Amino acid sequence: MLHFAGWIGGPEIIIILVVVILLFGGKKIPELAKGLGKGIKDFKKATEDSDLANDIKDVASEVNDMKDSVDKMNPKKMVQMDNPLKPKKK
């Protein structure tokens, strides 16, 4: 789908801008841009204020701690058995 984005060039952008000006008028466009900017600003603020990133970090650290404790209890790591068939190196 992204490889079709190459058809937008200079003339197409000018046509889109002319259509937008005809639809909304010259006085309404700054108000629309201001509202759009405010909406983006509020969205960014809401995502930054949410503690989701901190919660994800906390969960990841807890998972790593549990993994470490499970690795400590792994019987293969607790007891290192020598292979009786393998000759010992001096």
C-alpha atoms as a PDB file:
ATOM      1  CA  MET A   1       0.000   0.000   0.000  1.00  0.00           C
ATOM      2  CA  LEU A   2       2.853   2.383   0.760  1.00  0.00           C
ATOM      3  CA  HIS A   3       4.453   1.909  -2.627  1.00  0.00           C
ATOM      4  CA  PHE A   4       1.444   3.658  -4.205  1.00  0.00           C
ATOM      5  CA  ALA A   5       2.183   6.889  -2.276  1.00  0.00           C
ATOM      6  CA  GLY A   6       4.615   7.993  -4.989  1.00  0.00           C
ATOM      7  CA  TRP A   7       1.825   9.421  -7.153  1.00  0.00           C
ATOM      8  CA  ILE A   8       1.468  12.527  -4.945  1.00  0.00           C
ATOM      9  CA  GLY A   9       3.583  15.302  -6.378  1.00  0.00           C
ATOM     10  CA  GLY A  10       3.578  19.080  -6.594  1.00  0.00           C
ATOM     11  CA  PRO A  11       0.552  19.516  -8.905  1.00  0.00           C
ATOM     12  CA  GLU A  12      -1.545  17.075  -6.892  1.00  0.00           C
ATOM     13  CA  ILE A  13      -0.797  18.893  -3.639  1.00  0.00           C
ATOM     14  CA  ILE A  14      -1.749  22.222  -5.225  1.00  0.00           C
ATOM     15  CA  ILE A  15      -5.059  20.756  -6.441  1.00  0.00           C
ATOM     16  CA  ILE A  16      -5.801  19.376  -2.971  1.00  0.00           C
ATOM     17  CA  LEU A  17      -5.052  22.768  -1.383  1.00  0.00           C
ATOM     18  CA  VAL A  18      -7.320  24.564  -3.874  1.00  0.00           C
ATOM     19  CA  VAL A  19     -10.156  22.120  -3.137  1.00  0.00           C
ATOM     20  CA  VAL A  20      -9.692  22.599   0.626  1.00  0.00           C
ATOM     21  CA  ILE A  21      -9.773  26.382   0.246  1.00  0.00           C
ATOM     22  CA  LEU A  22     -12.921  26.172  -1.885  1.00  0.00           C
ATOM     23  CA  LEU A  23     -14.646  23.873   0.601  1.00  0.00           C
ATOM     24  CA  PHE A  24     -13.768  25.644   3.835  1.00  0.00           C
ATOM     25  CA  GLY A  25     -12.878  29.181   2.779  1.00  0.00           C
ATOM     26  CA  GLY A  26      -9.824  31.202   3.641  1.00  0.00           C
ATOM     27  CA  LYS A  27     -11.094  32.328   7.052  1.00  0.00           C
ATOM     28  CA  LYS A  28     -12.015  28.866   8.306  1.00  0.00           C
ATOM     29  CA  ILE A  29      -8.684  27.139   7.520  1.00  0.00           C
ATOM     30  CA  PRO A  30      -6.680  28.808  10.366  1.00  0.00           C
ATOM     31  CA  GLU A  31      -9.401  27.822  12.824  1.00  0.00           C
ATOM     32  CA  LEU A  32      -9.282  24.235  11.599  1.00  0.00           C
ATOM     33  CA  ALA A  33      -5.483  24.162  11.832  1.00  0.00           C
ATOM     34  CA  LYS A  34      -5.620  25.613  15.353  1.00  0.00           C
ATOM     35  CA  GLY A  35      -8.137  22.981  16.430  1.00  0.00           C
ATOM     36  CA  LEU A  36      -6.077  20.216  14.866  1.00  0.00           C
ATOM     37  CA  GLY A  37      -2.915  21.451  16.608  1.00  0.00           C
ATOM     38  CA  LYS A  38      -4.710  21.652  19.949  1.00  0.00           C
ATOM     39  CA  GLY A  39      -6.041  18.128  19.492  1.00  0.00           C
ATOM     40  CA  ILE A  40      -2.569  16.765  18.721  1.00  0.00           C
ATOM     41  CA  LYS A  41      -1.139  18.623  21.724  1.00  0.00           C
ATOM     42  CA  ASP A  42      -3.823  17.208  24.036  1.00  0.00           C
ATOM     43  CA  PHE A  43      -3.276  13.703  22.671  1.00  0.00           C
ATOM     44  CA  LYS A  44       0.483  13.892  23.269  1.00  0.00           C
ATOM     45  CA  LYS A  45      -0.078  15.233  26.773  1.00  0.00           C
ATOM     46  CA  ALA A  46      -2.527  12.448  27.567  1.00  0.00           C
ATOM     47  CA  THR A  47      -0.153   9.753  26.361  1.00  0.00           C
ATOM     48  CA  GLU A  48       2.779  11.250  28.275  1.00  0.00           C
ATOM     49  CA  ASP A  49       0.750  11.632  31.460  1.00  0.00           C
ATOM     50  CA  SER A  50      -0.448   8.055  31.404  1.00  0.00           C
ATOM     51  CA  ASP A  51       1.553   5.714  33.548  1.00  0.00           C
ATOM     52  CA  LEU A  52       1.399   2.988  30.937  1.00  0.00           C
ATOM     53  CA  ALA A  53       5.098   3.221  30.116  1.00  0.00           C
ATOM     54  CA  ASN A  54       6.035   3.039  33.797  1.00  0.00           C
ATOM     55  CA  ASP A  55       3.686   0.100  34.309  1.00  0.00           C
ATOM     56  CA  ILE A  56       5.252  -1.742  31.390  1.00  0.00           C
ATOM     57  CA  LYS A  57       8.726  -1.166  32.823  1.00  0.00           C
ATOM     58  CA  ASP A  58       7.581  -2.436  36.232  1.00  0.00           C
ATOM     59  CA  VAL A  59       6.071  -5.580  34.724  1.00  0.00           C
ATOM     60  CA  ALA A  60       9.203  -6.213  32.668  1.00  0.00           C
ATOM     61  CA  SER A  61      11.431  -5.912  35.738  1.00  0.00           C
ATOM     62  CA  GLU A  62       9.166  -8.283  37.693  1.00  0.00           C
ATOM     63  CA  VAL A  63       9.283 -10.808  34.856  1.00  0.00           C
ATOM     64  CA  ASN A  64      13.087 -10.569  34.763  1.00  0.00           C
ATOM     65  CA  ASP A  65      13.256 -11.059  38.537  1.00  0.00           C
ATOM     66  CA  MET A  66      11.044 -14.134  38.306  1.00  0.00           C
ATOM     67  CA  LYS A  67      13.172 -15.502  35.476  1.00  0.00           C
ATOM     68  CA  ASP A  68      16.313 -15.041  37.545  1.00  0.00           C
ATOM     69  CA  SER A  69      14.773 -16.815  40.529  1.00  0.00           C
ATOM     70  CA  VAL A  70      13.608 -19.704  38.312  1.00  0.00           C
ATOM     71  CA  ASP A  71      17.092 -19.973  36.816  1.00  0.00           C
ATOM     72  CA  LYS A  72      18.550 -20.240  40.327  1.00  0.00           C
ATOM     73  CA  MET A  73      16.195 -23.144  41.074  1.00  0.00           C
ATOM     74  CA  ASN A  74      17.011 -24.976  37.852  1.00  0.00           C
ATOM     75  CA  PRO A  75      18.251 -28.432  38.854  1.00  0.00           C
ATOM     76  CA  LYS A  76      20.642 -28.604  35.921  1.00  0.00           C
ATOM     77  CA  LYS A  77      22.399 -25.483  37.144  1.00  0.00           C
ATOM     78  CA  MET A  78      22.282 -26.484  40.822  1.00  0.00           C
ATOM     79  CA  VAL A  79      24.084 -29.794  40.337  1.00  0.00           C
ATOM     80  CA  GLN A  80      26.888 -29.994  37.852  1.00  0.00           C
ATOM     81  CA  MET A  81      27.252 -33.681  37.031  1.00  0.00           C
ATOM     82  CA  ASP A  82      30.299 -34.945  35.238  1.00  0.00           C
ATOM     83  CA  ASN A  83      29.754 -37.301  32.349  1.00  0.00           C
ATOM     84  CA  PRO A  84      31.228 -40.664  33.433  1.00  0.00           C
ATOM     85  CA  LEU A  85      31.879 -41.660  29.819  1.00  0.00           C
ATOM     86  CA  LYS A  86      33.864 -38.541  29.028  1.00  0.00           C
ATOM     87  CA  PRO A  87      37.561 -38.709  29.951  1.00  0.00           C
ATOM     88  CA  LYS A  88      38.720 -36.106  32.434  1.00  0.00           C
ATOM     89  CA  LYS A  89      41.230 -33.512  31.278  1.00  0.00           C
ATOM     90  CA  LYS A  90      44.147 -32.622  33.484  1.00  0.00           C
END
